[in-house]
Amino acid sequence: MILKTRFKAIVSKIKKMGYSLTPQRLEIIKIISESKNHPSAADVYNKLKKLYPMVSLNTVYKNLSMLASLHEVREIKTMQNSVHYDGDISLHGHAICEKCGKIIDVEINELDFKGFFETKIKKKLTENYNISNYGIEFYGLCAGCGKKAVSVVG
């Protein structure tokens, strides 16, 4: 039910902003809003191409860029220089494996974050600074890559 609500929220914002709702755009929004695995543009393209064989990868990039500019998806950059997309814009962070690029959601206590923001970040910014987005990323090795690193060393 939450996924359908997310889809509807994105579509509503797109309509309000005056963008057209092509079948391909709606499907991209559906893929992103339903995804829990932080797909890349190529991942979205491969799913979309099954329904719309004539769609271009450029169409996917343009739509994901537009959604990111509207803060309806979050771009996540990995150490492998690839970009993944998260349709869940709720307050949370990401743990990103430096070796394989796997991305895992990290829950963040909203009250702790707001307190940290108010006491540590906001005080350092000028009065006229307006934050429009944020990113909380943690880098390291996932369990699989960590085990491989230990077995190579040991």
N, C-alpha and C. Protein backbone atom coordinates (compact mmCIF):
# COMPACT_ATOMS: atom_id res chain seq x y z
N MET A 1 0.81 -1.20 0.00
CA MET A 1 0.00 0.00 0.00
C MET A 1 0.85 1.26 0.00
N ILE A 2 1.95 1.25 0.75
CA ILE A 2 2.85 2.40 0.81
C ILE A 2 3.45 2.68 -0.57
N LEU A 3 3.79 1.60 -1.31
CA LEU A 3 4.39 1.78 -2.62
C LEU A 3 3.43 2.47 -3.58
N LYS A 4 2.15 2.10 -3.53
CA LYS A 4 1.16 2.75 -4.39
C LYS A 4 1.00 4.22 -4.01
N THR A 5 1.08 4.51 -2.72
CA THR A 5 0.99 5.89 -2.25
C THR A 5 2.19 6.68 -2.75
N ARG A 6 3.37 6.08 -2.73
CA ARG A 6 4.58 6.74 -3.22
C ARG A 6 4.45 7.04 -4.71
N PHE A 7 3.98 6.06 -5.47
CA PHE A 7 3.76 6.22 -6.90
C PHE A 7 2.80 7.39 -7.16
N LYS A 8 1.70 7.40 -6.44
CA LYS A 8 0.70 8.47 -6.61
C LYS A 8 1.26 9.84 -6.24
N ALA A 9 2.08 9.90 -5.20
CA ALA A 9 2.68 11.17 -4.78
C ALA A 9 3.60 11.72 -5.86
N ILE A 10 4.40 10.85 -6.46
CA ILE A 10 5.31 11.30 -7.52
C ILE A 10 4.51 11.76 -8.73
N VAL A 11 3.51 10.99 -9.13
CA VAL A 11 2.68 11.35 -10.29
C VAL A 11 1.98 12.68 -10.05
N SER A 12 1.47 12.87 -8.85
CA SER A 12 0.80 14.12 -8.52
C SER A 12 1.74 15.32 -8.66
N LYS A 13 2.96 15.18 -8.15
CA LYS A 13 3.93 16.27 -8.24
C LYS A 13 4.30 16.55 -9.69
N ILE A 14 4.47 15.50 -10.48
CA ILE A 14 4.82 15.65 -11.89
C ILE A 14 3.72 16.43 -12.62
N LYS A 15 2.47 16.07 -12.33
CA LYS A 15 1.33 16.78 -12.94
C LYS A 15 1.35 18.25 -12.55
N LYS A 16 1.54 18.53 -11.25
CA LYS A 16 1.54 19.91 -10.77
C LYS A 16 2.66 20.73 -11.41
N MET A 17 3.78 20.08 -11.72
CA MET A 17 4.91 20.78 -12.31
C MET A 17 4.75 20.97 -13.82
N GLY A 18 3.68 20.39 -14.39
CA GLY A 18 3.38 20.59 -15.81
C GLY A 18 4.05 19.60 -16.75
N TYR A 19 4.65 18.54 -16.21
CA TYR A 19 5.26 17.53 -17.08
C TYR A 19 4.19 16.59 -17.63
N SER A 20 4.42 16.11 -18.83
CA SER A 20 3.47 15.16 -19.41
C SER A 20 3.68 13.78 -18.78
N LEU A 21 2.63 13.00 -18.79
CA LEU A 21 2.69 11.66 -18.19
C LEU A 21 2.60 10.62 -19.30
N THR A 22 3.72 10.42 -19.98
CA THR A 22 3.76 9.42 -21.04
C THR A 22 3.74 8.02 -20.41
N PRO A 23 3.34 7.03 -21.18
CA PRO A 23 3.36 5.66 -20.63
C PRO A 23 4.76 5.25 -20.14
N GLN A 24 5.79 5.66 -20.88
CA GLN A 24 7.16 5.31 -20.47
C GLN A 24 7.52 6.00 -19.16
N ARG A 25 7.17 7.26 -19.02
CA ARG A 25 7.47 8.00 -17.78
C ARG A 25 6.74 7.36 -16.60
N LEU A 26 5.48 7.02 -16.79
CA LEU A 26 4.71 6.37 -15.72
C LEU A 26 5.34 5.05 -15.31
N GLU A 27 5.83 4.30 -16.28
CA GLU A 27 6.45 3.01 -15.97
C GLU A 27 7.78 3.22 -15.23
N ILE A 28 8.55 4.22 -15.61
CA ILE A 28 9.80 4.53 -14.91
C ILE A 28 9.49 4.89 -13.46
N ILE A 29 8.47 5.71 -13.25
CA ILE A 29 8.07 6.09 -11.89
C ILE A 29 7.64 4.84 -11.11
N LYS A 30 6.90 3.97 -11.76
CA LYS A 30 6.46 2.73 -11.10
C LYS A 30 7.66 1.87 -10.70
N ILE A 31 8.61 1.71 -11.61
CA ILE A 31 9.80 0.89 -11.31
C ILE A 31 10.56 1.48 -10.14
N ILE A 32 10.78 2.78 -10.17
CA ILE A 32 11.54 3.44 -9.09
C ILE A 32 10.79 3.41 -7.77
N SER A 33 9.49 3.68 -7.79
CA SER A 33 8.72 3.74 -6.54
C SER A 33 8.55 2.36 -5.90
N GLU A 34 8.61 1.30 -6.70
CA GLU A 34 8.44 -0.05 -6.17
C GLU A 34 9.76 -0.73 -5.83
N SER A 35 10.87 -0.19 -6.29
CA SER A 35 12.16 -0.84 -6.12
C SER A 35 12.71 -0.66 -4.71
N LYS A 36 13.27 -1.72 -4.20
CA LYS A 36 13.93 -1.68 -2.89
C LYS A 36 15.43 -1.92 -3.02
N ASN A 37 15.91 -2.14 -4.26
CA ASN A 37 17.31 -2.50 -4.44
C ASN A 37 18.16 -1.42 -5.11
N HIS A 38 17.72 -0.18 -5.12
CA HIS A 38 18.50 0.94 -5.63
C HIS A 38 19.02 0.68 -7.05
N PRO A 39 18.12 0.63 -8.03
CA PRO A 39 18.54 0.29 -9.40
C PRO A 39 19.37 1.39 -10.06
N SER A 40 20.20 0.98 -11.00
CA SER A 40 20.93 1.93 -11.84
C SER A 40 20.01 2.30 -13.00
N ALA A 41 20.42 3.27 -13.80
CA ALA A 41 19.64 3.63 -14.99
C ALA A 41 19.54 2.43 -15.93
N ALA A 42 20.62 1.66 -16.04
CA ALA A 42 20.61 0.47 -16.89
C ALA A 42 19.60 -0.56 -16.39
N ASP A 43 19.50 -0.72 -15.07
CA ASP A 43 18.51 -1.64 -14.49
C ASP A 43 17.09 -1.21 -14.86
N VAL A 44 16.82 0.08 -14.71
CA VAL A 44 15.49 0.62 -15.03
C VAL A 44 15.23 0.43 -16.53
N TYR A 45 16.24 0.73 -17.35
CA TYR A 45 16.12 0.59 -18.80
C TYR A 45 15.79 -0.85 -19.19
N ASN A 46 16.49 -1.82 -18.60
CA ASN A 46 16.25 -3.23 -18.94
C ASN A 46 14.83 -3.67 -18.59
N LYS A 47 14.29 -3.18 -17.48
CA LYS A 47 12.90 -3.50 -17.13
C LYS A 47 11.93 -2.82 -18.09
N LEU A 48 12.21 -1.55 -18.37
CA LEU A 48 11.32 -0.76 -19.23
C LEU A 48 11.30 -1.28 -20.65
N LYS A 49 12.43 -1.73 -21.14
CA LYS A 49 12.56 -2.20 -22.52
C LYS A 49 11.68 -3.42 -22.79
N LYS A 50 11.39 -4.21 -21.75
CA LYS A 50 10.52 -5.37 -21.92
C LYS A 50 9.11 -4.94 -22.32
N LEU A 51 8.66 -3.80 -21.79
CA LEU A 51 7.32 -3.30 -22.13
C LEU A 51 7.33 -2.36 -23.34
N TYR A 52 8.43 -1.61 -23.47
CA TYR A 52 8.55 -0.62 -24.54
C TYR A 52 9.88 -0.84 -25.26
N PRO A 53 9.91 -1.80 -26.20
CA PRO A 53 11.17 -2.16 -26.86
C PRO A 53 11.87 -1.02 -27.59
N MET A 54 11.15 0.01 -27.98
CA MET A 54 11.75 1.12 -28.74
C MET A 54 12.28 2.23 -27.83
N VAL A 55 12.14 2.10 -26.53
CA VAL A 55 12.59 3.14 -25.61
C VAL A 55 14.12 3.22 -25.62
N SER A 56 14.65 4.42 -25.43
CA SER A 56 16.10 4.60 -25.41
C SER A 56 16.61 4.74 -23.98
N LEU A 57 17.86 4.44 -23.79
CA LEU A 57 18.50 4.63 -22.48
C LEU A 57 18.52 6.12 -22.13
N ASN A 58 18.64 6.96 -23.15
CA ASN A 58 18.62 8.40 -22.94
C ASN A 58 17.30 8.86 -22.31
N THR A 59 16.19 8.25 -22.72
CA THR A 59 14.88 8.56 -22.14
C THR A 59 14.88 8.25 -20.65
N VAL A 60 15.46 7.13 -20.28
CA VAL A 60 15.53 6.74 -18.87
C VAL A 60 16.38 7.75 -18.10
N TYR A 61 17.55 8.08 -18.64
CA TYR A 61 18.42 9.06 -17.96
C TYR A 61 17.72 10.40 -17.78
N LYS A 62 17.05 10.88 -18.81
CA LYS A 62 16.37 12.18 -18.73
C LYS A 62 15.28 12.16 -17.66
N ASN A 63 14.52 11.07 -17.60
CA ASN A 63 13.45 10.97 -16.62
C ASN A 63 14.00 10.85 -15.20
N LEU A 64 15.04 10.07 -15.01
CA LEU A 64 15.63 9.94 -13.68
C LEU A 64 16.25 11.26 -13.24
N SER A 65 16.86 11.98 -14.16
CA SER A 65 17.42 13.29 -13.85
C SER A 65 16.33 14.27 -13.45
N MET A 66 15.22 14.25 -14.18
CA MET A 66 14.09 15.12 -13.85
C MET A 66 13.53 14.77 -12.46
N LEU A 67 13.38 13.49 -12.17
CA LEU A 67 12.87 13.07 -10.86
C LEU A 67 13.83 13.48 -9.74
N ALA A 68 15.13 13.38 -10.00
CA ALA A 68 16.13 13.79 -9.00
C ALA A 68 16.07 15.30 -8.79
N SER A 69 15.89 16.07 -9.86
CA SER A 69 15.83 17.53 -9.72
C SER A 69 14.60 17.98 -8.95
N LEU A 70 13.55 17.16 -8.98
CA LEU A 70 12.34 17.45 -8.21
C LEU A 70 12.39 16.84 -6.81
N HIS A 71 13.53 16.22 -6.47
CA HIS A 71 13.73 15.56 -5.17
C HIS A 71 12.73 14.44 -4.93
N GLU A 72 12.39 13.74 -6.00
CA GLU A 72 11.49 12.59 -5.89
C GLU A 72 12.24 11.27 -5.95
N VAL A 73 13.49 11.31 -6.33
CA VAL A 73 14.40 10.17 -6.21
C VAL A 73 15.73 10.72 -5.70
N ARG A 74 16.46 9.88 -5.05
CA ARG A 74 17.77 10.26 -4.54
C ARG A 74 18.83 9.53 -5.37
N GLU A 75 19.81 10.28 -5.85
CA GLU A 75 20.93 9.67 -6.56
C GLU A 75 21.97 9.22 -5.55
N ILE A 76 22.44 7.99 -5.72
CA ILE A 76 23.44 7.42 -4.83
C ILE A 76 24.65 7.04 -5.69
N LYS A 77 25.79 7.63 -5.41
CA LYS A 77 27.00 7.35 -6.18
C LYS A 77 27.85 6.34 -5.42
N THR A 78 28.30 5.32 -6.13
CA THR A 78 29.14 4.30 -5.51
C THR A 78 30.61 4.59 -5.81
N MET A 79 31.50 3.88 -5.16
CA MET A 79 32.94 4.03 -5.37
C MET A 79 33.34 3.55 -6.77
N GLN A 80 32.47 2.81 -7.43
CA GLN A 80 32.73 2.30 -8.78
C GLN A 80 32.27 3.30 -9.84
N ASN A 81 31.96 4.52 -9.40
CA ASN A 81 31.50 5.60 -10.29
C ASN A 81 30.19 5.27 -11.00
N SER A 82 29.38 4.44 -10.39
CA SER A 82 28.05 4.22 -10.95
C SER A 82 27.03 4.94 -10.07
N VAL A 83 25.92 5.30 -10.69
CA VAL A 83 24.86 6.01 -9.98
C VAL A 83 23.66 5.09 -9.88
N HIS A 84 23.11 5.01 -8.69
CA HIS A 84 21.90 4.23 -8.43
C HIS A 84 20.84 5.20 -7.94
N TYR A 85 19.60 4.76 -7.99
CA TYR A 85 18.49 5.64 -7.66
C TYR A 85 17.62 5.02 -6.58
N ASP A 86 17.19 5.86 -5.65
CA ASP A 86 16.35 5.43 -4.54
C ASP A 86 15.05 6.23 -4.60
N GLY A 87 13.95 5.53 -4.79
CA GLY A 87 12.64 6.18 -4.82
C GLY A 87 12.08 6.46 -3.44
N ASP A 88 12.73 5.93 -2.43
CA ASP A 88 12.31 6.17 -1.04
C ASP A 88 13.05 7.41 -0.55
N ILE A 89 12.35 8.52 -0.46
CA ILE A 89 12.99 9.77 -0.05
C ILE A 89 12.78 10.07 1.44
N SER A 90 12.30 9.07 2.18
CA SER A 90 12.18 9.26 3.63
C SER A 90 13.57 9.39 4.24
N LEU A 91 13.63 9.87 5.46
CA LEU A 91 14.90 10.06 6.15
C LEU A 91 15.55 8.71 6.43
N HIS A 92 16.62 8.42 5.71
CA HIS A 92 17.42 7.23 5.95
C HIS A 92 18.77 7.42 5.25
N GLY A 93 19.72 6.59 5.63
CA GLY A 93 21.04 6.65 5.03
C GLY A 93 21.30 5.41 4.20
N HIS A 94 22.52 5.31 3.69
CA HIS A 94 22.90 4.16 2.88
C HIS A 94 24.30 3.69 3.28
N ALA A 95 24.45 2.37 3.39
CA ALA A 95 25.76 1.75 3.54
C ALA A 95 26.14 1.24 2.16
N ILE A 96 27.30 1.68 1.65
CA ILE A 96 27.70 1.37 0.29
C ILE A 96 29.02 0.60 0.33
N CYS A 97 29.02 -0.58 -0.27
CA CYS A 97 30.24 -1.39 -0.29
C CYS A 97 31.24 -0.77 -1.27
N GLU A 98 32.46 -0.55 -0.78
CA GLU A 98 33.51 0.05 -1.60
C GLU A 98 34.02 -0.88 -2.68
N LYS A 99 33.77 -2.18 -2.53
CA LYS A 99 34.30 -3.14 -3.50
C LYS A 99 33.26 -3.52 -4.56
N CYS A 100 32.07 -3.97 -4.13
CA CYS A 100 31.09 -4.46 -5.11
C CYS A 100 29.99 -3.44 -5.42
N GLY A 101 29.88 -2.39 -4.61
CA GLY A 101 28.88 -1.35 -4.86
C GLY A 101 27.50 -1.64 -4.29
N LYS A 102 27.35 -2.73 -3.55
CA LYS A 102 26.06 -3.06 -2.95
C LYS A 102 25.61 -1.93 -2.03
N ILE A 103 24.32 -1.60 -2.09
CA ILE A 103 23.76 -0.51 -1.29
C ILE A 103 22.69 -1.06 -0.37
N ILE A 104 22.80 -0.73 0.91
CA ILE A 104 21.82 -1.17 1.91
C ILE A 104 21.27 0.06 2.62
N ASP A 105 19.96 0.10 2.81
CA ASP A 105 19.33 1.20 3.56
C ASP A 105 19.73 1.12 5.02
N VAL A 106 19.97 2.28 5.62
CA VAL A 106 20.29 2.39 7.04
C VAL A 106 19.25 3.30 7.68
N GLU A 107 18.50 2.74 8.61
CA GLU A 107 17.48 3.54 9.29
C GLU A 107 18.15 4.57 10.20
N ILE A 108 17.59 5.74 10.25
CA ILE A 108 18.13 6.83 11.06
C ILE A 108 17.01 7.33 11.96
N ASN A 109 17.31 7.45 13.24
CA ASN A 109 16.32 7.97 14.17
C ASN A 109 16.08 9.45 13.84
N GLU A 110 14.86 9.76 13.46
CA GLU A 110 14.54 11.12 13.01
C GLU A 110 14.81 12.16 14.08
N LEU A 111 14.50 11.85 15.33
CA LEU A 111 14.72 12.82 16.40
C LEU A 111 16.20 13.08 16.61
N ASP A 112 17.01 12.01 16.59
CA ASP A 112 18.46 12.18 16.74
C ASP A 112 19.03 13.01 15.59
N PHE A 113 18.56 12.73 14.36
CA PHE A 113 19.05 13.46 13.20
C PHE A 113 18.68 14.93 13.28
N LYS A 114 17.43 15.21 13.65
CA LYS A 114 17.00 16.61 13.75
C LYS A 114 17.80 17.34 14.83
N GLY A 115 18.08 16.67 15.93
CA GLY A 115 18.88 17.27 16.98
C GLY A 115 20.30 17.54 16.51
N PHE A 116 20.89 16.59 15.82
CA PHE A 116 22.22 16.76 15.26
C PHE A 116 22.23 17.92 14.27
N PHE A 117 21.23 17.95 13.41
CA PHE A 117 21.15 19.02 12.41
C PHE A 117 21.04 20.39 13.08
N GLU A 118 20.16 20.48 14.06
CA GLU A 118 19.95 21.77 14.73
C GLU A 118 21.19 22.24 15.50
N THR A 119 21.89 21.31 16.17
CA THR A 119 23.01 21.72 17.02
C THR A 119 24.34 21.77 16.29
N LYS A 120 24.55 20.92 15.32
CA LYS A 120 25.87 20.83 14.68
C LYS A 120 25.93 21.46 13.29
N ILE A 121 24.92 21.30 12.50
CA ILE A 121 24.98 21.75 11.11
C ILE A 121 24.41 23.15 10.94
N LYS A 122 23.21 23.35 11.40
CA LYS A 122 22.51 24.62 11.17
C LYS A 122 23.28 25.81 11.74
N LYS A 123 23.91 25.64 12.88
CA LYS A 123 24.66 26.73 13.51
C LYS A 123 25.84 27.18 12.65
N LYS A 124 26.38 26.28 11.85
CA LYS A 124 27.54 26.61 11.03
C LYS A 124 27.16 27.26 9.69
N LEU A 125 25.90 27.22 9.35
CA LEU A 125 25.45 27.78 8.08
C LEU A 125 25.00 29.21 8.28
N THR A 126 25.12 30.01 7.25
CA THR A 126 24.66 31.39 7.34
C THR A 126 23.13 31.40 7.37
N GLU A 127 22.59 32.51 7.79
CA GLU A 127 21.12 32.63 7.90
C GLU A 127 20.42 32.42 6.57
N ASN A 128 21.06 32.78 5.48
CA ASN A 128 20.42 32.70 4.17
C ASN A 128 20.60 31.36 3.47
N TYR A 129 21.25 30.42 4.11
CA TYR A 129 21.49 29.12 3.48
C TYR A 129 20.26 28.25 3.63
N ASN A 130 19.76 27.72 2.53
CA ASN A 130 18.56 26.90 2.54
C ASN A 130 18.89 25.52 1.99
N ILE A 131 18.87 24.51 2.81
CA ILE A 131 19.19 23.15 2.37
C ILE A 131 17.99 22.58 1.63
N SER A 132 18.24 22.07 0.42
CA SER A 132 17.16 21.48 -0.37
C SER A 132 17.21 19.96 -0.39
N ASN A 133 18.35 19.38 -0.02
CA ASN A 133 18.47 17.94 -0.03
C ASN A 133 19.67 17.56 0.86
N TYR A 134 19.83 16.29 1.12
CA TYR A 134 20.93 15.82 1.95
C TYR A 134 21.27 14.39 1.53
N GLY A 135 22.40 13.91 1.98
CA GLY A 135 22.78 12.53 1.75
C GLY A 135 23.55 12.03 2.96
N ILE A 136 23.23 10.84 3.39
CA ILE A 136 23.93 10.23 4.51
C ILE A 136 24.45 8.88 4.00
N GLU A 137 25.75 8.83 3.74
CA GLU A 137 26.34 7.60 3.21
C GLU A 137 27.45 7.11 4.12
N PHE A 138 27.51 5.81 4.27
CA PHE A 138 28.57 5.14 5.01
C PHE A 138 29.24 4.19 4.04
N TYR A 139 30.56 4.22 4.00
CA TYR A 139 31.31 3.37 3.07
C TYR A 139 32.12 2.35 3.84
N GLY A 140 32.22 1.16 3.28
CA GLY A 140 32.98 0.08 3.88
C GLY A 140 32.86 -1.15 3.02
N LEU A 141 33.00 -2.31 3.62
CA LEU A 141 32.85 -3.57 2.89
C LEU A 141 31.62 -4.31 3.39
N CYS A 142 30.83 -4.80 2.45
CA CYS A 142 29.66 -5.61 2.83
C CYS A 142 30.16 -6.93 3.41
N ALA A 143 29.27 -7.72 3.96
CA ALA A 143 29.66 -8.98 4.60
C ALA A 143 30.37 -9.90 3.62
N GLY A 144 29.86 -10.00 2.40
CA GLY A 144 30.48 -10.88 1.40
C GLY A 144 31.88 -10.43 1.02
N CYS A 145 32.06 -9.16 0.73
CA CYS A 145 33.38 -8.64 0.36
C CYS A 145 34.34 -8.62 1.54
N GLY A 146 33.81 -8.41 2.74
CA GLY A 146 34.64 -8.44 3.94
C GLY A 146 35.21 -9.82 4.20
N LYS A 147 34.41 -10.86 3.97
CA LYS A 147 34.89 -12.24 4.14
C LYS A 147 35.96 -12.57 3.11
N LYS A 148 35.76 -12.10 1.88
CA LYS A 148 36.76 -12.35 0.83
C LYS A 148 38.07 -11.66 1.17
N ALA A 149 38.01 -10.45 1.70
CA ALA A 149 39.22 -9.71 2.06
C ALA A 149 39.97 -10.41 3.18
N VAL A 150 39.25 -10.94 4.16
CA VAL A 150 39.88 -11.65 5.29
C VAL A 150 40.53 -12.93 4.81
N SER A 151 39.87 -13.67 3.92
CA SER A 151 40.44 -14.94 3.44
C SER A 151 41.67 -14.73 2.57
N VAL A 152 41.75 -13.60 1.85
CA VAL A 152 42.92 -13.30 1.03
C VAL A 152 44.10 -12.95 1.93
N VAL A 153 43.84 -12.17 3.00
CA VAL A 153 44.88 -11.75 3.91
C VAL A 153 45.35 -12.92 4.77
N GLY A 154 44.41 -13.71 5.29
CA GLY A 154 44.71 -14.76 6.25
C GLY A 154 45.17 -15.97 5.59
